[in-house]
Amino acid sequence: MHLPMTEITKNTAEGTDRRGFLTSATTLAMTVGLLASYGSCFAIGGRYLYPAHPGRRAWQYVADVARMSKGDQVVYRAPSGESIVVARQGVAGNIEDFIALSDTCPHLGCKVHWEDTKNRFFCPCHNGTFDAKGKGTGGPPGDASQELFAYDLKIEGNMLFINAPMERLI
């Protein structure tokens, strides 16, 4: 079959328009994807070079001092969602008797707990140990000189307060 010249010209013109559109759309999609990936890379690099500042903190009630005996611990959940272990290590009744440390092991994120009889914090995942102040002394945390993050405490009257983070850092 032989098509008239007007039909061939019309089909070629339509093909060019379709091909041109697909080329433009593909180029645009690839450019947007490339810009998004570079933007993500720069955002991650920026967060690495300029880390977030500490969030807002406030004093929060934890426990009555008289109700905690030596060796007792309280797991406190901060408004930011962080889990903190508050342990009583002494009997004098002053602030030096207490310590507040993150209960998340810096090695793999397992939960640590206070062992009063051994005067240490213990991580059961890999037998990680921390001294009474939160410094790694054994297992992977000790080998890497890791520490548990410490929080400030104060006593007012007979009440124990912690300076806790109020908002989650992203």
C-alpha atoms as a PDB file:
ATOM      1  CA  MET A   1       0.000   0.000   0.000  1.00  0.00           C
ATOM      2  CA  HIS A   2       1.226   3.396  -0.880  1.00  0.00           C
ATOM      3  CA  LEU A   3       0.489   6.314   1.469  1.00  0.00           C
ATOM      4  CA  PRO A   4       0.031   9.783   0.068  1.00  0.00           C
ATOM      5  CA  MET A   5       2.771  12.267   0.870  1.00  0.00           C
ATOM      6  CA  THR A   6       0.533  14.247   3.259  1.00  0.00           C
ATOM      7  CA  GLU A   7       0.001  11.147   5.461  1.00  0.00           C
ATOM      8  CA  ILE A   8       3.775  10.452   5.689  1.00  0.00           C
ATOM      9  CA  THR A   9       4.510  14.078   6.626  1.00  0.00           C
ATOM     10  CA  LYS A  10       1.735  14.061   9.249  1.00  0.00           C
ATOM     11  CA  ASN A  11       2.955  10.798  10.871  1.00  0.00           C
ATOM     12  CA  THR A  12       6.576  12.026  10.926  1.00  0.00           C
ATOM     13  CA  ALA A  13       5.564  15.311  12.535  1.00  0.00           C
ATOM     14  CA  GLU A  14       3.539  13.476  15.201  1.00  0.00           C
ATOM     15  CA  GLY A  15       6.461  11.075  15.859  1.00  0.00           C
ATOM     16  CA  THR A  16       8.868  13.947  16.336  1.00  0.00           C
ATOM     17  CA  ASP A  17       6.534  15.632  18.798  1.00  0.00           C
ATOM     18  CA  ARG A  18       6.091  12.414  20.775  1.00  0.00           C
ATOM     19  CA  ARG A  19       9.819  11.634  20.698  1.00  0.00           C
ATOM     20  CA  GLY A  20      10.682  15.201  21.678  1.00  0.00           C
ATOM     21  CA  PHE A  21       8.245  15.091  24.593  1.00  0.00           C
ATOM     22  CA  LEU A  22       9.625  11.777  25.881  1.00  0.00           C
ATOM     23  CA  THR A  23      13.198  13.051  25.558  1.00  0.00           C
ATOM     24  CA  SER A  24      12.349  16.223  27.470  1.00  0.00           C
ATOM     25  CA  ALA A  25      10.401  14.341  30.165  1.00  0.00           C
ATOM     26  CA  THR A  26      13.206  11.813  30.650  1.00  0.00           C
ATOM     27  CA  THR A  27      15.834  14.566  30.830  1.00  0.00           C
ATOM     28  CA  LEU A  28      13.738  16.463  33.370  1.00  0.00           C
ATOM     29  CA  ALA A  29      13.198  13.331  35.529  1.00  0.00           C
ATOM     30  CA  MET A  30      16.917  12.501  35.500  1.00  0.00           C
ATOM     31  CA  THR A  31      17.827  16.112  36.388  1.00  0.00           C
ATOM     32  CA  VAL A  32      15.363  16.181  39.297  1.00  0.00           C
ATOM     33  CA  GLY A  33      16.685  12.832  40.562  1.00  0.00           C
ATOM     34  CA  LEU A  34      20.276  14.022  40.304  1.00  0.00           C
ATOM     35  CA  LEU A  35      19.508  17.271  42.142  1.00  0.00           C
ATOM     36  CA  ALA A  36      17.630  15.377  44.871  1.00  0.00           C
ATOM     37  CA  SER A  37      20.535  12.979  45.406  1.00  0.00           C
ATOM     38  CA  TYR A  38      23.081  15.803  45.515  1.00  0.00           C
ATOM     39  CA  GLY A  39      20.795  17.739  47.867  1.00  0.00           C
ATOM     40  CA  SER A  40      20.558  14.742  50.203  1.00  0.00           C
ATOM     41  CA  CYS A  41      24.326  14.323  50.106  1.00  0.00           C
ATOM     42  CA  PHE A  42      24.875  17.989  51.001  1.00  0.00           C
ATOM     43  CA  ALA A  43      22.275  17.789  53.799  1.00  0.00           C
ATOM     44  CA  ILE A  44      23.999  14.769  55.354  1.00  0.00           C
ATOM     45  CA  GLY A  45      27.395  16.436  54.983  1.00  0.00           C
ATOM     46  CA  GLY A  46      26.042  19.612  56.560  1.00  0.00           C
ATOM     47  CA  ARG A  47      24.682  17.716  59.563  1.00  0.00           C
ATOM     48  CA  TYR A  48      28.058  16.031  59.953  1.00  0.00           C
ATOM     49  CA  LEU A  49      30.028  19.282  59.745  1.00  0.00           C
ATOM     50  CA  TYR A  50      27.528  21.323  61.766  1.00  0.00           C
ATOM     51  CA  PRO A  51      25.824  18.967  64.249  1.00  0.00           C
ATOM     52  CA  ALA A  52      22.609  19.961  65.965  1.00  0.00           C
ATOM     53  CA  HIS A  53      22.903  22.027  69.114  1.00  0.00           C
ATOM     54  CA  PRO A  54      21.653  20.510  72.344  1.00  0.00           C
ATOM     55  CA  GLY A  55      17.905  20.776  72.647  1.00  0.00           C
ATOM     56  CA  ARG A  56      15.932  22.515  75.344  1.00  0.00           C
ATOM     57  CA  ARG A  57      16.284  21.002  78.830  1.00  0.00           C
ATOM     58  CA  ALA A  58      14.274  21.413  82.011  1.00  0.00           C
ATOM     59  CA  TRP A  59      14.408  20.104  85.564  1.00  0.00           C
ATOM     60  CA  GLN A  60      12.024  17.161  85.990  1.00  0.00           C
ATOM     61  CA  TYR A  61      11.035  15.272  89.141  1.00  0.00           C
ATOM     62  CA  VAL A  62      12.445  11.718  89.356  1.00  0.00           C
ATOM     63  CA  ALA A  63      11.854  10.297  92.843  1.00  0.00           C
ATOM     64  CA  ASP A  64      11.730  10.922  96.587  1.00  0.00           C
ATOM     65  CA  VAL A  65      15.248  10.626  97.997  1.00  0.00           C
ATOM     66  CA  ALA A  66      14.022   8.835 101.148  1.00  0.00           C
ATOM     67  CA  ARG A  67      12.290   6.108  99.090  1.00  0.00           C
ATOM     68  CA  MET A  68      15.473   5.097  97.264  1.00  0.00           C
ATOM     69  CA  SER A  69      17.882   2.865  99.153  1.00  0.00           C
ATOM     70  CA  LYS A  70      21.517   2.292  98.235  1.00  0.00           C
ATOM     71  CA  GLY A  71      21.575   0.058  95.166  1.00  0.00           C
ATOM     72  CA  ASP A  72      18.111   1.068  93.952  1.00  0.00           C
ATOM     73  CA  GLN A  73      17.627   2.334  90.432  1.00  0.00           C
ATOM     74  CA  VAL A  74      14.842   4.103  88.591  1.00  0.00           C
ATOM     75  CA  VAL A  75      14.484   4.057  84.824  1.00  0.00           C
ATOM     76  CA  TYR A  76      13.353   7.559  83.919  1.00  0.00           C
ATOM     77  CA  ARG A  77      11.800   8.282  80.519  1.00  0.00           C
ATOM     78  CA  ALA A  78      12.550  11.886  79.496  1.00  0.00           C
ATOM     79  CA  PRO A  79       9.922  13.924  77.624  1.00  0.00           C
ATOM     80  CA  SER A  80      12.175  13.546  74.566  1.00  0.00           C
ATOM     81  CA  GLY A  81      11.782   9.767  74.776  1.00  0.00           C
ATOM     82  CA  GLU A  82      15.315   9.053  76.027  1.00  0.00           C
ATOM     83  CA  SER A  83      15.632   6.346  78.658  1.00  0.00           C
ATOM     84  CA  ILE A  84      17.841   7.233  81.646  1.00  0.00           C
ATOM     85  CA  VAL A  85      18.926   5.083  84.584  1.00  0.00           C
ATOM     86  CA  VAL A  86      19.050   6.962  87.906  1.00  0.00           C
ATOM     87  CA  ALA A  87      20.912   4.922  90.520  1.00  0.00           C
ATOM     88  CA  ARG A  88      21.614   5.514  94.196  1.00  0.00           C
ATOM     89  CA  GLN A  89      25.206   4.523  94.934  1.00  0.00           C
ATOM     90  CA  GLY A  90      25.686   5.935  98.439  1.00  0.00           C
ATOM     91  CA  VAL A  91      23.905   6.418 101.786  1.00  0.00           C
ATOM     92  CA  ALA A  92      24.897   9.949 102.861  1.00  0.00           C
ATOM     93  CA  GLY A  93      21.697  11.495 101.468  1.00  0.00           C
ATOM     94  CA  ASN A  94      23.384  14.123  99.299  1.00  0.00           C
ATOM     95  CA  ILE A  95      23.568  14.566  95.526  1.00  0.00           C
ATOM     96  CA  GLU A  96      26.878  12.657  95.292  1.00  0.00           C
ATOM     97  CA  ASP A  97      24.943   9.481  96.218  1.00  0.00           C
ATOM     98  CA  PHE A  98      23.090   9.572  92.895  1.00  0.00           C
ATOM     99  CA  ILE A  99      24.050   9.272  89.251  1.00  0.00           C
ATOM    100  CA  ALA A 100      21.954   9.568  86.089  1.00  0.00           C
ATOM    101  CA  LEU A 101      23.264   7.936  82.918  1.00  0.00           C
ATOM    102  CA  SER A 102      21.801   6.972  79.589  1.00  0.00           C
ATOM    103  CA  ASP A 103      20.710   3.360  79.797  1.00  0.00           C
ATOM    104  CA  THR A 104      21.659   2.796  76.155  1.00  0.00           C
ATOM    105  CA  CYS A 105      25.048   1.142  75.616  1.00  0.00           C
ATOM    106  CA  PRO A 106      27.096   3.114  73.065  1.00  0.00           C
ATOM    107  CA  HIS A 107      28.397  -0.147  71.559  1.00  0.00           C
ATOM    108  CA  LEU A 108      25.192  -1.569  70.020  1.00  0.00           C
ATOM    109  CA  GLY A 109      22.354   0.213  71.818  1.00  0.00           C
ATOM    110  CA  CYS A 110      21.429  -2.495  74.332  1.00  0.00           C
ATOM    111  CA  LYS A 111      19.981  -1.531  77.729  1.00  0.00           C
ATOM    112  CA  VAL A 112      22.396  -1.330  80.658  1.00  0.00           C
ATOM    113  CA  HIS A 113      21.494  -1.669  84.345  1.00  0.00           C
ATOM    114  CA  TRP A 114      23.168  -0.918  87.679  1.00  0.00           C
ATOM    115  CA  GLU A 115      24.668  -3.842  89.627  1.00  0.00           C
ATOM    116  CA  ASP A 116      25.172  -2.553  93.155  1.00  0.00           C
ATOM    117  CA  THR A 117      26.995  -5.672  94.416  1.00  0.00           C
ATOM    118  CA  LYS A 118      29.660  -5.225  91.715  1.00  0.00           C
ATOM    119  CA  ASN A 119      29.587  -1.400  91.765  1.00  0.00           C
ATOM    120  CA  ARG A 120      29.122  -1.169  87.991  1.00  0.00           C
ATOM    121  CA  PHE A 121      26.720  -0.760  85.125  1.00  0.00           C
ATOM    122  CA  PHE A 122      26.355  -3.903  83.022  1.00  0.00           C
ATOM    123  CA  CYS A 123      25.321  -4.433  79.397  1.00  0.00           C
ATOM    124  CA  PRO A 124      24.129  -8.025  78.886  1.00  0.00           C
ATOM    125  CA  CYS A 125      24.515  -8.048  75.078  1.00  0.00           C
ATOM    126  CA  HIS A 126      28.301  -8.498  74.965  1.00  0.00           C
ATOM    127  CA  ASN A 127      29.209  -8.453  78.662  1.00  0.00           C
ATOM    128  CA  GLY A 128      30.037  -4.753  78.496  1.00  0.00           C
ATOM    129  CA  THR A 129      30.822  -3.114  81.818  1.00  0.00           C
ATOM    130  CA  PHE A 130      30.970   0.505  82.958  1.00  0.00           C
ATOM    131  CA  ASP A 131      32.282   1.865  86.240  1.00  0.00           C
ATOM    132  CA  ALA A 132      30.095   3.757  88.717  1.00  0.00           C
ATOM    133  CA  LYS A 133      30.557   6.991  86.725  1.00  0.00           C
ATOM    134  CA  GLY A 134      29.697   5.427  83.332  1.00  0.00           C
ATOM    135  CA  LYS A 135      33.181   4.934  81.848  1.00  0.00           C
ATOM    136  CA  GLY A 136      33.627   1.696  79.858  1.00  0.00           C
ATOM    137  CA  THR A 137      35.801  -0.810  81.730  1.00  0.00           C
ATOM    138  CA  GLY A 138      35.208  -4.147  80.007  1.00  0.00           C
ATOM    139  CA  GLY A 139      33.905  -5.815  76.902  1.00  0.00           C
ATOM    140  CA  PRO A 140      33.516  -3.839  73.665  1.00  0.00           C
ATOM    141  CA  PRO A 141      32.707  -0.515  75.437  1.00  0.00           C
ATOM    142  CA  GLY A 142      35.885  -0.809  77.527  1.00  0.00           C
ATOM    143  CA  ASP A 143      37.998  -1.718  74.490  1.00  0.00           C
ATOM    144  CA  ALA A 144      36.698   1.344  72.628  1.00  0.00           C
ATOM    145  CA  SER A 145      36.901   3.692  75.681  1.00  0.00           C
ATOM    146  CA  GLN A 146      33.192   4.456  75.382  1.00  0.00           C
ATOM    147  CA  GLU A 147      31.108   6.116  78.091  1.00  0.00           C
ATOM    148  CA  LEU A 148      27.460   6.369  79.025  1.00  0.00           C
ATOM    149  CA  PHE A 149      26.040   9.893  78.605  1.00  0.00           C
ATOM    150  CA  ALA A 150      25.606  11.574  82.021  1.00  0.00           C
ATOM    151  CA  TYR A 151      22.758  13.879  83.122  1.00  0.00           C
ATOM    152  CA  ASP A 152      22.794  16.526  85.845  1.00  0.00           C
ATOM    153  CA  LEU A 153      20.836  15.894  89.049  1.00  0.00           C
ATOM    154  CA  LYS A 154      19.822  18.082  91.991  1.00  0.00           C
ATOM    155  CA  ILE A 155      18.035  17.586  95.289  1.00  0.00           C
ATOM    156  CA  GLU A 156      15.446  20.071  96.566  1.00  0.00           C
ATOM    157  CA  GLY A 157      13.925  19.188  99.894  1.00  0.00           C
ATOM    158  CA  ASN A 158      13.498  15.429  99.695  1.00  0.00           C
ATOM    159  CA  MET A 159      12.932  15.366  95.931  1.00  0.00           C
ATOM    160  CA  LEU A 160      15.413  14.293  93.270  1.00  0.00           C
ATOM    161  CA  PHE A 161      15.331  16.194  89.952  1.00  0.00           C
ATOM    162  CA  ILE A 162      17.053  15.566  86.607  1.00  0.00           C
ATOM    163  CA  ASN A 163      17.950  18.130  83.954  1.00  0.00           C
ATOM    164  CA  ALA A 164      16.242  16.222  81.145  1.00  0.00           C
ATOM    165  CA  PRO A 165      16.018  16.860  77.403  1.00  0.00           C
ATOM    166  CA  MET A 166      12.559  18.072  76.448  1.00  0.00           C
ATOM    167  CA  GLU A 167      12.600  17.480  72.693  1.00  0.00           C
ATOM    168  CA  ARG A 168      13.969  14.754  70.468  1.00  0.00           C
ATOM    169  CA  LEU A 169      16.932  15.640  68.279  1.00  0.00           C
ATOM    170  CA  ILE A 170      16.557  14.480  64.726  1.00  0.00           C
END
